[in-house]
Amino acid sequence: MTETWGLWFPSAGSTGLLFTRTRLDREDAGDRVLVHAAPPVVDVTVRDGDGQVVAQASGLERGAEGPMSALVRHGERVELEDLWPTDADAGRLVLLAGGETGRLTSWWHQDRSEWRWQLELCNHV
C-alpha cells in the first residue's frame, strides 16, 4: 500500500514551508523512516492511497544537532528521534528535502565531527 508522507516546517516564513512530500510503500517504510537535515520543528502528516490521514504529529522538535533524524510511527501517532545512524539502519528509507526518498546503503562517522553516507535512489514507487 502506498502512503504519502508530508513534512511541513511551520516556523519558516509567515505561514510555514513544505519540507518534503513523498510516496512510500507502507511495508517498505515499516515503523521508522530517516530524515536527512530535518528542520528544527516539523509537522508530519501521513495519508493513505485515498488521501485519508492515517498518522500525524505537530510541532516535533529536534533536540540535538546532527545530519539525521528518525520519524517513528506508533499507530496514528508519529514521534521524532534525533540519531546518528548505525549499521542497523542500513536499508532504511531516507526522506530528503524536496520530495526524494532513497535507501541508506552505508553510513560512517568519526566522533560525530564528520560523516559519509551513501544513498540509493530509484524511480520505482
PDB file of N, CA and C in Angstrom:
ATOM      1  N   MET A   1       0.846  -1.178   0.000  1.00  0.00           N
ATOM      2  CA  MET A   1       0.000   0.000   0.000  1.00  0.00           C
ATOM      3  C   MET A   1       0.893   1.243   0.000  1.00  0.00           C
ATOM      4  N   THR A   2       0.593   2.181  -0.871  1.00  0.00           N
ATOM      5  CA  THR A   2       1.351   3.423  -0.961  1.00  0.00           C
ATOM      6  C   THR A   2       0.759   4.466  -0.028  1.00  0.00           C
ATOM      7  N   GLU A   3       1.647   5.162   0.693  1.00  0.00           N
ATOM      8  CA  GLU A   3       1.248   6.262   1.552  1.00  0.00           C
ATOM      9  C   GLU A   3       1.999   7.506   1.112  1.00  0.00           C
ATOM     10  N   THR A   4       1.435   8.663   1.422  1.00  0.00           N
ATOM     11  CA  THR A   4       2.093   9.937   1.167  1.00  0.00           C
ATOM     12  C   THR A   4       2.487  10.542   2.497  1.00  0.00           C
ATOM     13  N   TRP A   5       3.793  10.819   2.641  1.00  0.00           N
ATOM     14  CA  TRP A   5       4.320  11.455   3.840  1.00  0.00           C
ATOM     15  C   TRP A   5       4.599  12.907   3.508  1.00  0.00           C
ATOM     16  N   GLY A   6       4.006  13.820   4.265  1.00  0.00           N
ATOM     17  CA  GLY A   6       4.241  15.248   4.095  1.00  0.00           C
ATOM     18  C   GLY A   6       4.856  15.823   5.352  1.00  0.00           C
ATOM     19  N   LEU A   7       5.971  16.536   5.192  1.00  0.00           N
ATOM     20  CA  LEU A   7       6.641  17.183   6.314  1.00  0.00           C
ATOM     21  C   LEU A   7       6.623  18.684   6.068  1.00  0.00           C
ATOM     22  N   TRP A   8       6.136  19.423   7.038  1.00  0.00           N
ATOM     23  CA  TRP A   8       5.945  20.861   6.946  1.00  0.00           C
ATOM     24  C   TRP A   8       6.810  21.537   7.997  1.00  0.00           C
ATOM     25  N   PHE A   9       7.513  22.588   7.611  1.00  0.00           N
ATOM     26  CA  PHE A   9       8.336  23.385   8.534  1.00  0.00           C
ATOM     27  C   PHE A   9       7.488  24.590   8.934  1.00  0.00           C
ATOM     28  N   PRO A  10       6.760  24.512  10.063  1.00  0.00           N
ATOM     29  CA  PRO A  10       5.785  25.550  10.403  1.00  0.00           C
ATOM     30  C   PRO A  10       6.397  26.890  10.783  1.00  0.00           C
ATOM     31  N   SER A  11       7.662  26.932  11.161  1.00  0.00           N
ATOM     32  CA  SER A  11       8.284  28.175  11.624  1.00  0.00           C
ATOM     33  C   SER A  11       8.926  28.995  10.512  1.00  0.00           C
ATOM     34  N   ALA A  12       8.941  28.477   9.296  1.00  0.00           N
ATOM     35  CA  ALA A  12       9.583  29.198   8.186  1.00  0.00           C
ATOM     36  C   ALA A  12       8.615  30.200   7.582  1.00  0.00           C
ATOM     37  N   GLY A  13       9.121  31.378   7.285  1.00  0.00           N
ATOM     38  CA  GLY A  13       8.292  32.408   6.656  1.00  0.00           C
ATOM     39  C   GLY A  13       7.102  32.774   7.519  1.00  0.00           C
ATOM     40  N   SER A  14       6.111  33.359   6.894  1.00  0.00           N
ATOM     41  CA  SER A  14       4.947  33.794   7.667  1.00  0.00           C
ATOM     42  C   SER A  14       3.921  32.683   7.868  1.00  0.00           C
ATOM     43  N   THR A  15       3.909  31.681   6.986  1.00  0.00           N
ATOM     44  CA  THR A  15       2.904  30.619   7.108  1.00  0.00           C
ATOM     45  C   THR A  15       3.484  29.223   7.049  1.00  0.00           C
ATOM     46  N   GLY A  16       4.804  29.092   7.063  1.00  0.00           N
ATOM     47  CA  GLY A  16       5.422  27.777   7.011  1.00  0.00           C
ATOM     48  C   GLY A  16       5.902  27.440   5.610  1.00  0.00           C
ATOM     49  N   LEU A  17       6.558  26.287   5.492  1.00  0.00           N
ATOM     50  CA  LEU A  17       7.164  25.876   4.232  1.00  0.00           C
ATOM     51  C   LEU A  17       7.141  24.359   4.137  1.00  0.00           C
ATOM     52  N   LEU A  18       6.746  23.841   2.972  1.00  0.00           N
ATOM     53  CA  LEU A  18       6.786  22.404   2.755  1.00  0.00           C
ATOM     54  C   LEU A  18       8.241  21.949   2.695  1.00  0.00           C
ATOM     55  N   PHE A  19       8.616  21.000   3.534  1.00  0.00           N
ATOM     56  CA  PHE A  19       9.967  20.453   3.523  1.00  0.00           C
ATOM     57  C   PHE A  19      10.053  19.307   2.516  1.00  0.00           C
ATOM     58  N   THR A  20       9.114  18.384   2.587  1.00  0.00           N
ATOM     59  CA  THR A  20       9.076  17.282   1.631  1.00  0.00           C
ATOM     60  C   THR A  20       7.688  16.660   1.602  1.00  0.00           C
ATOM     61  N   ARG A  21       7.361  16.117   0.457  1.00  0.00           N
ATOM     62  CA  ARG A  21       6.155  15.290   0.302  1.00  0.00           C
ATOM     63  C   ARG A  21       6.558  14.163  -0.623  1.00  0.00           C
ATOM     64  N   THR A  22       6.396  12.937  -0.148  1.00  0.00           N
ATOM     65  CA  THR A  22       6.854  11.790  -0.919  1.00  0.00           C
ATOM     66  C   THR A  22       5.933  10.605  -0.725  1.00  0.00           C
ATOM     67  N   ARG A  23       5.942   9.724  -1.699  1.00  0.00           N
ATOM     68  CA  ARG A  23       5.146   8.496  -1.601  1.00  0.00           C
ATOM     69  C   ARG A  23       6.062   7.336  -1.239  1.00  0.00           C
ATOM     70  N   LEU A  24       5.590   6.525  -0.289  1.00  0.00           N
ATOM     71  CA  LEU A  24       6.338   5.376   0.191  1.00  0.00           C
ATOM     72  C   LEU A  24       5.450   4.147   0.192  1.00  0.00           C
ATOM     73  N   ASP A  25       6.060   2.998   0.029  1.00  0.00           N
ATOM     74  CA  ASP A  25       5.354   1.749   0.258  1.00  0.00           C
ATOM     75  C   ASP A  25       5.308   1.517   1.764  1.00  0.00           C
ATOM     76  N   ARG A  26       4.130   1.325   2.314  1.00  0.00           N
ATOM     77  CA  ARG A  26       3.947   1.184   3.767  1.00  0.00           C
ATOM     78  C   ARG A  26       4.814   0.066   4.337  1.00  0.00           C
ATOM     79  N   GLU A  27       4.850  -1.075   3.668  1.00  0.00           N
ATOM     80  CA  GLU A  27       5.643  -2.199   4.164  1.00  0.00           C
ATOM     81  C   GLU A  27       7.136  -1.895   4.080  1.00  0.00           C
ATOM     82  N   ASP A  28       7.542  -1.191   3.047  1.00  0.00           N
ATOM     83  CA  ASP A  28       8.948  -0.845   2.872  1.00  0.00           C
ATOM     84  C   ASP A  28       9.407   0.136   3.945  1.00  0.00           C
ATOM     85  N   ALA A  29       8.539   1.060   4.321  1.00  0.00           N
ATOM     86  CA  ALA A  29       8.878   2.060   5.340  1.00  0.00           C
ATOM     87  C   ALA A  29       8.904   1.449   6.738  1.00  0.00           C
ATOM     88  N   GLY A  30       8.043   0.503   6.984  1.00  0.00           N
ATOM     89  CA  GLY A  30       7.960  -0.077   8.323  1.00  0.00           C
ATOM     90  C   GLY A  30       7.517   0.960   9.336  1.00  0.00           C
ATOM     91  N   ASP A  31       8.045   0.879  10.557  1.00  0.00           N
ATOM     92  CA  ASP A  31       7.631   1.809  11.610  1.00  0.00           C
ATOM     93  C   ASP A  31       8.620   2.957  11.789  1.00  0.00           C
ATOM     94  N   ARG A  32       9.642   3.047  10.914  1.00  0.00           N
ATOM     95  CA  ARG A  32      10.675   4.063  11.094  1.00  0.00           C
ATOM     96  C   ARG A  32      11.244   4.460   9.740  1.00  0.00           C
ATOM     97  N   VAL A  33      11.281   5.779   9.485  1.00  0.00           N
ATOM     98  CA  VAL A  33      11.977   6.318   8.323  1.00  0.00           C
ATOM     99  C   VAL A  33      12.954   7.372   8.815  1.00  0.00           C
ATOM    100  N   LEU A  34      14.031   7.535   8.078  1.00  0.00           N
ATOM    101  CA  LEU A  34      15.031   8.544   8.418  1.00  0.00           C
ATOM    102  C   LEU A  34      14.745   9.818   7.638  1.00  0.00           C
ATOM    103  N   VAL A  35      15.177  10.934   8.177  1.00  0.00           N
ATOM    104  CA  VAL A  35      15.042  12.227   7.503  1.00  0.00           C
ATOM    105  C   VAL A  35      16.406  12.886   7.520  1.00  0.00           C
ATOM    106  N   HIS A  36      16.884  13.275   6.350  1.00  0.00           N
ATOM    107  CA  HIS A  36      18.164  13.970   6.274  1.00  0.00           C
ATOM    108  C   HIS A  36      17.931  15.467   6.434  1.00  0.00           C
ATOM    109  N   ALA A  37      18.682  16.103   7.338  1.00  0.00           N
ATOM    110  CA  ALA A  37      18.656  17.545   7.558  1.00  0.00           C
ATOM    111  C   ALA A  37      17.248  18.067   7.817  1.00  0.00           C
ATOM    112  N   ALA A  38      16.548  17.415   8.732  1.00  0.00           N
ATOM    113  CA  ALA A  38      15.196  17.857   9.091  1.00  0.00           C
ATOM    114  C   ALA A  38      15.239  19.262   9.678  1.00  0.00           C
ATOM    115  N   PRO A  39      14.186  20.049   9.451  1.00  0.00           N
ATOM    116  CA  PRO A  39      14.132  21.373  10.070  1.00  0.00           C
ATOM    117  C   PRO A  39      14.054  21.247  11.592  1.00  0.00           C
ATOM    118  N   PRO A  40      14.295  22.338  12.315  1.00  0.00           N
ATOM    119  CA  PRO A  40      14.286  22.267  13.780  1.00  0.00           C
ATOM    120  C   PRO A  40      12.918  21.934  14.372  1.00  0.00           C
ATOM    121  N   VAL A  41      11.860  22.254  13.654  1.00  0.00           N
ATOM    122  CA  VAL A  41      10.487  21.916  14.057  1.00  0.00           C
ATOM    123  C   VAL A  41       9.782  21.397  12.818  1.00  0.00           C
ATOM    124  N   VAL A  42       9.008  20.335  12.978  1.00  0.00           N
ATOM    125  CA  VAL A  42       8.347  19.752  11.814  1.00  0.00           C
ATOM    126  C   VAL A  42       6.961  19.220  12.200  1.00  0.00           C
ATOM    127  N   ASP A  43       6.018  19.404  11.280  1.00  0.00           N
ATOM    128  CA  ASP A  43       4.702  18.771  11.366  1.00  0.00           C
ATOM    129  C   ASP A  43       4.695  17.643  10.347  1.00  0.00           C
ATOM    130  N   VAL A  44       4.107  16.499  10.709  1.00  0.00           N
ATOM    131  CA  VAL A  44       4.095  15.330   9.832  1.00  0.00           C
ATOM    132  C   VAL A  44       2.661  14.877   9.615  1.00  0.00           C
ATOM    133  N   THR A  45       2.319  14.622   8.359  1.00  0.00           N
ATOM    134  CA  THR A  45       1.019  14.042   8.024  1.00  0.00           C
ATOM    135  C   THR A  45       1.248  12.874   7.081  1.00  0.00           C
ATOM    136  N   VAL A  46       0.684  11.720   7.446  1.00  0.00           N
ATOM    137  CA  VAL A  46       0.779  10.522   6.612  1.00  0.00           C
ATOM    138  C   VAL A  46      -0.629  10.214   6.115  1.00  0.00           C
ATOM    139  N   ARG A  47      -0.762  10.081   4.788  1.00  0.00           N
ATOM    140  CA  ARG A  47      -2.064   9.799   4.170  1.00  0.00           C
ATOM    141  C   ARG A  47      -2.016   8.475   3.424  1.00  0.00           C
ATOM    142  N   ASP A  48      -3.128   7.778   3.438  1.00  0.00           N
ATOM    143  CA  ASP A  48      -3.210   6.533   2.679  1.00  0.00           C
ATOM    144  C   ASP A  48      -3.467   6.838   1.206  1.00  0.00           C
ATOM    145  N   GLY A  49      -3.614   5.809   0.396  1.00  0.00           N
ATOM    146  CA  GLY A  49      -3.808   5.976  -1.038  1.00  0.00           C
ATOM    147  C   GLY A  49      -5.067   6.737  -1.412  1.00  0.00           C
ATOM    148  N   ASP A  50      -6.044   6.796  -0.501  1.00  0.00           N
ATOM    149  CA  ASP A  50      -7.286   7.535  -0.740  1.00  0.00           C
ATOM    150  C   ASP A  50      -7.226   8.963  -0.207  1.00  0.00           C
ATOM    151  N   GLY A  51      -6.078   9.349   0.359  1.00  0.00           N
ATOM    152  CA  GLY A  51      -5.927  10.706   0.872  1.00  0.00           C
ATOM    153  C   GLY A  51      -6.370  10.895   2.311  1.00  0.00           C
ATOM    154  N   GLN A  52      -6.766   9.820   2.972  1.00  0.00           N
ATOM    155  CA  GLN A  52      -7.201   9.907   4.365  1.00  0.00           C
ATOM    156  C   GLN A  52      -5.991   9.937   5.292  1.00  0.00           C
ATOM    157  N   VAL A  53      -6.032  10.802   6.308  1.00  0.00           N
ATOM    158  CA  VAL A  53      -4.947  10.890   7.281  1.00  0.00           C
ATOM    159  C   VAL A  53      -4.944   9.612   8.121  1.00  0.00           C
ATOM    160  N   VAL A  54      -3.767   8.937   8.161  1.00  0.00           N
ATOM    161  CA  VAL A  54      -3.629   7.713   8.943  1.00  0.00           C
ATOM    162  C   VAL A  54      -2.662   7.880  10.115  1.00  0.00           C
ATOM    163  N   ALA A  55      -1.838   8.913  10.073  1.00  0.00           N
ATOM    164  CA  ALA A  55      -0.932   9.209  11.186  1.00  0.00           C
ATOM    165  C   ALA A  55      -0.499  10.664  11.060  1.00  0.00           C
ATOM    166  N   GLN A  56      -0.227  11.305  12.215  1.00  0.00           N
ATOM    167  CA  GLN A  56       0.217  12.696  12.162  1.00  0.00           C
ATOM    168  C   GLN A  56       0.827  13.120  13.484  1.00  0.00           C
ATOM    169  N   ALA A  57       1.519  14.246  13.410  1.00  0.00           N
ATOM    170  CA  ALA A  57       2.099  14.878  14.602  1.00  0.00           C
ATOM    171  C   ALA A  57       2.373  16.334  14.267  1.00  0.00           C
ATOM    172  N   SER A  58       2.308  17.189  15.261  1.00  0.00           N
ATOM    173  CA  SER A  58       2.576  18.613  15.071  1.00  0.00           C
ATOM    174  C   SER A  58       3.625  19.070  16.066  1.00  0.00           C
ATOM    175  N   GLY A  59       4.473  20.000  15.610  1.00  0.00           N
ATOM    176  CA  GLY A  59       5.440  20.626  16.487  1.00  0.00           C
ATOM    177  C   GLY A  59       6.532  19.705  17.006  1.00  0.00           C
ATOM    178  N   LEU A  60       6.915  18.710  16.212  1.00  0.00           N
ATOM    179  CA  LEU A  60       8.010  17.833  16.622  1.00  0.00           C
ATOM    180  C   LEU A  60       9.308  18.628  16.572  1.00  0.00           C
ATOM    181  N   GLU A  61      10.047  18.652  17.665  1.00  0.00           N
ATOM    182  CA  GLU A  61      11.270  19.454  17.744  1.00  0.00           C
ATOM    183  C   GLU A  61      12.498  18.571  17.813  1.00  0.00           C
ATOM    184  N   ARG A  62      13.499  18.955  17.032  1.00  0.00           N
ATOM    185  CA  ARG A  62      14.793  18.289  17.131  1.00  0.00           C
ATOM    186  C   ARG A  62      15.452  18.735  18.420  1.00  0.00           C
ATOM    187  N   GLY A  63      16.090  17.800  19.109  1.00  0.00           N
ATOM    188  CA  GLY A  63      16.727  18.130  20.372  1.00  0.00           C
ATOM    189  C   GLY A  63      18.235  18.201  20.297  1.00  0.00           C
ATOM    190  N   ALA A  64      18.796  17.742  19.174  1.00  0.00           N
ATOM    191  CA  ALA A  64      20.250  17.719  19.041  1.00  0.00           C
ATOM    192  C   ALA A  64      20.624  17.965  17.590  1.00  0.00           C
ATOM    193  N   GLU A  65      21.797  18.538  17.404  1.00  0.00           N
ATOM    194  CA  GLU A  65      22.280  18.739  16.043  1.00  0.00           C
ATOM    195  C   GLU A  65      22.779  17.414  15.490  1.00  0.00           C
ATOM    196  N   GLY A  66      22.706  17.294  14.209  1.00  0.00           N
ATOM    197  CA  GLY A  66      23.180  16.094  13.529  1.00  0.00           C
ATOM    198  C   GLY A  66      22.537  16.012  12.173  1.00  0.00           C
ATOM    199  N   PRO A  67      23.052  15.166  11.313  1.00  0.00           N
ATOM    200  CA  PRO A  67      22.567  15.104   9.949  1.00  0.00           C
ATOM    201  C   PRO A  67      21.282  14.306   9.758  1.00  0.00           C
ATOM    202  N   MET A  68      20.908  13.496  10.730  1.00  0.00           N
ATOM    203  CA  MET A  68      19.751  12.624  10.546  1.00  0.00           C
ATOM    204  C   MET A  68      18.818  12.680  11.749  1.00  0.00           C
ATOM    205  N   SER A  69      17.564  12.423  11.460  1.00  0.00           N
ATOM    206  CA  SER A  69      16.540  12.202  12.473  1.00  0.00           C
ATOM    207  C   SER A  69      15.734  11.003  12.017  1.00  0.00           C
ATOM    208  N   ALA A  70      14.969  10.455  12.922  1.00  0.00           N
ATOM    209  CA  ALA A  70      14.070   9.352  12.567  1.00  0.00           C
ATOM    210  C   ALA A  70      12.649   9.753  12.914  1.00  0.00           C
ATOM    211  N   LEU A  71      11.727   9.412  12.033  1.00  0.00           N
ATOM    212  CA  LEU A  71      10.308   9.531  12.332  1.00  0.00           C
ATOM    213  C   LEU A  71       9.825   8.128  12.649  1.00  0.00           C
ATOM    214  N   VAL A  72       9.308   7.957  13.852  1.00  0.00           N
ATOM    215  CA  VAL A  72       8.881   6.654  14.325  1.00  0.00           C
ATOM    216  C   VAL A  72       7.372   6.669  14.453  1.00  0.00           C
ATOM    217  N   ARG A  73       6.757   5.719  13.808  1.00  0.00           N
ATOM    218  CA  ARG A  73       5.297   5.664  13.764  1.00  0.00           C
ATOM    219  C   ARG A  73       4.778   4.676  14.788  1.00  0.00           C
ATOM    220  N   HIS A  74       3.817   5.157  15.594  1.00  0.00           N
ATOM    221  CA  HIS A  74       3.131   4.330  16.587  1.00  0.00           C
ATOM    222  C   HIS A  74       1.639   4.440  16.290  1.00  0.00           C
ATOM    223  N   GLY A  75       1.143   3.601  15.402  1.00  0.00           N
ATOM    224  CA  GLY A  75      -0.264   3.680  15.019  1.00  0.00           C
ATOM    225  C   GLY A  75      -0.557   4.999  14.334  1.00  0.00           C
ATOM    226  N   GLU A  76      -1.432   5.816  14.929  1.00  0.00           N
ATOM    227  CA  GLU A  76      -1.818   7.101  14.349  1.00  0.00           C
ATOM    228  C   GLU A  76      -0.902   8.242  14.782  1.00  0.00           C
ATOM    229  N   ARG A  77       0.093   7.943  15.595  1.00  0.00           N
ATOM    230  CA  ARG A  77       0.992   8.948  16.153  1.00  0.00           C
ATOM    231  C   ARG A  77       2.382   8.801  15.546  1.00  0.00           C
ATOM    232  N   VAL A  78       3.081   9.927  15.357  1.00  0.00           N
ATOM    233  CA  VAL A  78       4.451   9.934  14.856  1.00  0.00           C
ATOM    234  C   VAL A  78       5.320  10.692  15.849  1.00  0.00           C
ATOM    235  N   GLU A  79       6.489  10.148  16.153  1.00  0.00           N
ATOM    236  CA  GLU A  79       7.446  10.809  17.037  1.00  0.00           C
ATOM    237  C   GLU A  79       8.747  11.036  16.281  1.00  0.00           C
ATOM    238  N   LEU A  80       9.509  12.029  16.712  1.00  0.00           N
ATOM    239  CA  LEU A  80      10.801  12.321  16.113  1.00  0.00           C
ATOM    240  C   LEU A  80      11.906  11.943  17.097  1.00  0.00           C
ATOM    241  N   GLU A  81      12.926  11.250  16.584  1.00  0.00           N
ATOM    242  CA  GLU A  81      14.097  10.904  17.388  1.00  0.00           C
ATOM    243  C   GLU A  81      15.329  11.455  16.694  1.00  0.00           C
ATOM    244  N   ASP A  82      16.185  12.111  17.445  1.00  0.00           N
ATOM    245  CA  ASP A  82      17.491  12.511  16.921  1.00  0.00           C
ATOM    246  C   ASP A  82      18.381  11.284  16.977  1.00  0.00           C
ATOM    247  N   LEU A  83      19.197  11.091  15.960  1.00  0.00           N
ATOM    248  CA  LEU A  83      20.063   9.926  15.966  1.00  0.00           C
ATOM    249  C   LEU A  83      21.239  10.099  15.029  1.00  0.00           C
ATOM    250  N   TRP A  84      22.228   9.287  15.244  1.00  0.00           N
ATOM    251  CA  TRP A  84      23.322   9.086  14.300  1.00  0.00           C
ATOM    252  C   TRP A  84      23.153   7.654  13.833  1.00  0.00           C
ATOM    253  N   PRO A  85      22.891   7.438  12.547  1.00  0.00           N
ATOM    254  CA  PRO A  85      22.655   6.071  12.081  1.00  0.00           C
ATOM    255  C   PRO A  85      23.802   5.129  12.429  1.00  0.00           C
ATOM    256  N   THR A  86      23.450   3.866  12.542  1.00  0.00           N
ATOM    257  CA  THR A  86      24.412   2.792  12.760  1.00  0.00           C
ATOM    258  C   THR A  86      24.254   1.793  11.621  1.00  0.00           C
ATOM    259  N   ASP A  87      25.043   0.750  11.655  1.00  0.00           N
ATOM    260  CA  ASP A  87      24.927  -0.293  10.635  1.00  0.00           C
ATOM    261  C   ASP A  87      23.524  -0.890  10.604  1.00  0.00           C
ATOM    262  N   ALA A  88      22.845  -0.888  11.743  1.00  0.00           N
ATOM    263  CA  ALA A  88      21.484  -1.432  11.813  1.00  0.00           C
ATOM    264  C   ALA A  88      20.492  -0.622  10.979  1.00  0.00           C
ATOM    265  N   ASP A  89      20.830   0.625  10.646  1.00  0.00           N
ATOM    266  CA  ASP A  89      19.934   1.473   9.853  1.00  0.00           C
ATOM    267  C   ASP A  89      20.120   1.290   8.345  1.00  0.00           C
ATOM    268  N   ALA A  90      21.133   0.551   7.946  1.00  0.00           N
ATOM    269  CA  ALA A  90      21.319   0.294   6.509  1.00  0.00           C
ATOM    270  C   ALA A  90      20.060  -0.373   5.962  1.00  0.00           C
ATOM    271  N   GLY A  91      19.608   0.124   4.838  1.00  0.00           N
ATOM    272  CA  GLY A  91      18.377  -0.386   4.220  1.00  0.00           C
ATOM    273  C   GLY A  91      17.146   0.444   4.529  1.00  0.00           C
ATOM    274  N   ARG A  92      17.226   1.315   5.499  1.00  0.00           N
ATOM    275  CA  ARG A  92      16.067   2.162   5.834  1.00  0.00           C
ATOM    276  C   ARG A  92      15.855   3.228   4.765  1.00  0.00           C
ATOM    277  N   LEU A  93      14.605   3.641   4.628  1.00  0.00           N
ATOM    278  CA  LEU A  93      14.278   4.726   3.716  1.00  0.00           C
ATOM    279  C   LEU A  93      14.685   6.053   4.347  1.00  0.00           C
ATOM    280  N   VAL A  94      15.157   6.979   3.500  1.00  0.00           N
ATOM    281  CA  VAL A  94      15.585   8.304   3.940  1.00  0.00           C
ATOM    282  C   VAL A  94      14.805   9.347   3.149  1.00  0.00           C
ATOM    283  N   LEU A  95      14.091  10.230   3.843  1.00  0.00           N
ATOM    284  CA  LEU A  95      13.363  11.325   3.206  1.00  0.00           C
ATOM    285  C   LEU A  95      14.311  12.498   3.054  1.00  0.00           C
ATOM    286  N   LEU A  96      14.296  13.104   1.879  1.00  0.00           N
ATOM    287  CA  LEU A  96      15.146  14.258   1.581  1.00  0.00           C
ATOM    288  C   LEU A  96      14.267  15.462   1.277  1.00  0.00           C
ATOM    289  N   ALA A  97      14.781  16.640   1.517  1.00  0.00           N
ATOM    290  CA  ALA A  97      14.050  17.861   1.182  1.00  0.00           C
ATOM    291  C   ALA A  97      13.692  17.842  -0.298  1.00  0.00           C
ATOM    292  N   GLY A  98      12.503  18.287  -0.605  1.00  0.00           N
ATOM    293  CA  GLY A  98      12.085  18.396  -1.999  1.00  0.00           C
ATOM    294  C   GLY A  98      11.305  17.208  -2.524  1.00  0.00           C
ATOM    295  N   GLY A  99      11.181  16.136  -1.767  1.00  0.00           N
ATOM    296  CA  GLY A  99      10.322  15.033  -2.179  1.00  0.00           C
ATOM    297  C   GLY A  99      11.010  13.752  -2.593  1.00  0.00           C
ATOM    298  N   GLU A 100      12.321  13.722  -2.597  1.00  0.00           N
ATOM    299  CA  GLU A 100      13.018  12.481  -2.940  1.00  0.00           C
ATOM    300  C   GLU A 100      13.078  11.554  -1.728  1.00  0.00           C
ATOM    301  N   THR A 101      13.062  10.262  -2.003  1.00  0.00           N
ATOM    302  CA  THR A 101      13.252   9.247  -0.978  1.00  0.00           C
ATOM    303  C   THR A 101      14.270   8.250  -1.495  1.00  0.00           C
ATOM    304  N   GLY A 102      15.232   7.930  -0.674  1.00  0.00           N
ATOM    305  CA  GLY A 102      16.244   6.952  -1.047  1.00  0.00           C
ATOM    306  C   GLY A 102      16.375   5.896   0.029  1.00  0.00           C
ATOM    307  N   ARG A 103      17.265   4.978  -0.215  1.00  0.00           N
ATOM    308  CA  ARG A 103      17.545   3.911   0.738  1.00  0.00           C
ATOM    309  C   ARG A 103      18.990   4.061   1.215  1.00  0.00           C
ATOM    310  N   LEU A 104      19.183   4.097   2.519  1.00  0.00           N
ATOM    311  CA  LEU A 104      20.515   4.210   3.091  1.00  0.00           C
ATOM    312  C   LEU A 104      21.271   2.913   2.827  1.00  0.00           C
ATOM    313  N   THR A 105      22.403   3.014   2.125  1.00  0.00           N
ATOM    314  CA  THR A 105      23.191   1.811   1.838  1.00  0.00           C
ATOM    315  C   THR A 105      24.423   1.709   2.729  1.00  0.00           C
ATOM    316  N   SER A 106      24.950   2.847   3.193  1.00  0.00           N
ATOM    317  CA  SER A 106      26.068   2.793   4.134  1.00  0.00           C
ATOM    318  C   SER A 106      26.158   4.101   4.900  1.00  0.00           C
ATOM    319  N   TRP A 107      26.788   4.013   6.068  1.00  0.00           N
ATOM    320  CA  TRP A 107      26.933   5.166   6.937  1.00  0.00           C
ATOM    321  C   TRP A 107      28.229   5.029   7.704  1.00  0.00           C
ATOM    322  N   TRP A 108      28.965   6.129   7.812  1.00  0.00           N
ATOM    323  CA  TRP A 108      30.205   6.163   8.595  1.00  0.00           C
ATOM    324  C   TRP A 108      30.314   7.530   9.237  1.00  0.00           C
ATOM    325  N   HIS A 109      30.825   7.573  10.458  1.00  0.00           N
ATOM    326  CA  HIS A 109      31.141   8.856  11.069  1.00  0.00           C
ATOM    327  C   HIS A 109      32.329   8.691  11.997  1.00  0.00           C
ATOM    328  N   GLN A 110      33.018   9.789  12.232  1.00  0.00           N
ATOM    329  CA  GLN A 110      34.157   9.800  13.135  1.00  0.00           C
ATOM    330  C   GLN A 110      33.874  10.806  14.230  1.00  0.00           C
ATOM    331  N   ASP A 111      33.596  10.317  15.399  1.00  0.00           N
ATOM    332  CA  ASP A 111      33.360  11.172  16.562  1.00  0.00           C
ATOM    333  C   ASP A 111      32.306  12.248  16.304  1.00  0.00           C
ATOM    334  N   ARG A 112      31.401  11.989  15.404  1.00  0.00           N
ATOM    335  CA  ARG A 112      30.325  12.925  15.055  1.00  0.00           C
ATOM    336  C   ARG A 112      30.841  14.262  14.536  1.00  0.00           C
ATOM    337  N   SER A 113      32.120  14.323  14.191  1.00  0.00           N
ATOM    338  CA  SER A 113      32.668  15.562  13.648  1.00  0.00           C
ATOM    339  C   SER A 113      32.664  15.553  12.120  1.00  0.00           C
ATOM    340  N   GLU A 114      32.579  14.390  11.536  1.00  0.00           N
ATOM    341  CA  GLU A 114      32.459  14.262  10.087  1.00  0.00           C
ATOM    342  C   GLU A 114      31.739  12.953   9.787  1.00  0.00           C
ATOM    343  N   TRP A 115      31.095  12.909   8.655  1.00  0.00           N
ATOM    344  CA  TRP A 115      30.372  11.703   8.285  1.00  0.00           C
ATOM    345  C   TRP A 115      30.370  11.537   6.780  1.00  0.00           C
ATOM    346  N   ARG A 116      30.121  10.296   6.391  1.00  0.00           N
ATOM    347  CA  ARG A 116      29.996   9.950   4.978  1.00  0.00           C
ATOM    348  C   ARG A 116      28.882   8.916   4.889  1.00  0.00           C
ATOM    349  N   TRP A 117      28.031   9.099   3.912  1.00  0.00           N
ATOM    350  CA  TRP A 117      26.951   8.143   3.744  1.00  0.00           C
ATOM    351  C   TRP A 117      26.634   7.968   2.278  1.00  0.00           C
ATOM    352  N   GLN A 118      26.011   6.847   1.972  1.00  0.00           N
ATOM    353  CA  GLN A 118      25.606   6.562   0.604  1.00  0.00           C
ATOM    354  C   GLN A 118      24.122   6.260   0.597  1.00  0.00           C
ATOM    355  N   LEU A 119      23.496   6.687  -0.484  1.00  0.00           N
ATOM    356  CA  LEU A 119      22.064   6.575  -0.634  1.00  0.00           C
ATOM    357  C   LEU A 119      21.765   6.045  -2.021  1.00  0.00           C
ATOM    358  N   GLU A 120      20.850   5.118  -2.105  1.00  0.00           N
ATOM    359  CA  GLU A 120      20.417   4.585  -3.391  1.00  0.00           C
ATOM    360  C   GLU A 120      19.079   5.227  -3.742  1.00  0.00           C
ATOM    361  N   LEU A 121      19.001   5.790  -4.936  1.00  0.00           N
ATOM    362  CA  LEU A 121      17.757   6.387  -5.423  1.00  0.00           C
ATOM    363  C   LEU A 121      17.230   5.548  -6.579  1.00  0.00           C
ATOM    364  N   CYS A 122      15.921   5.401  -6.625  1.00  0.00           N
ATOM    365  CA  CYS A 122      15.284   4.605  -7.671  1.00  0.00           C
ATOM    366  C   CYS A 122      13.953   5.256  -8.004  1.00  0.00           C
ATOM    367  N   ASN A 123      13.505   5.148  -9.243  1.00  0.00           N
ATOM    368  CA  ASN A 123      12.249   5.792  -9.630  1.00  0.00           C
ATOM    369  C   ASN A 123      11.029   4.889  -9.432  1.00  0.00           C
ATOM    370  N   HIS A 124      11.181   3.754  -8.799  1.00  0.00           N
ATOM    371  CA  HIS A 124      10.065   2.844  -8.565  1.00  0.00           C
ATOM    372  C   HIS A 124       9.338   3.234  -7.293  1.00  0.00           C
ATOM    373  N   VAL A 125       8.019   3.387  -7.364  1.00  0.00           N
ATOM    374  CA  VAL A 125       7.214   3.744  -6.180  1.00  0.00           C
ATOM    375  C   VAL A 125       6.702   2.493  -5.529  1.00  0.00           C
TER     376      VAL A 125
END
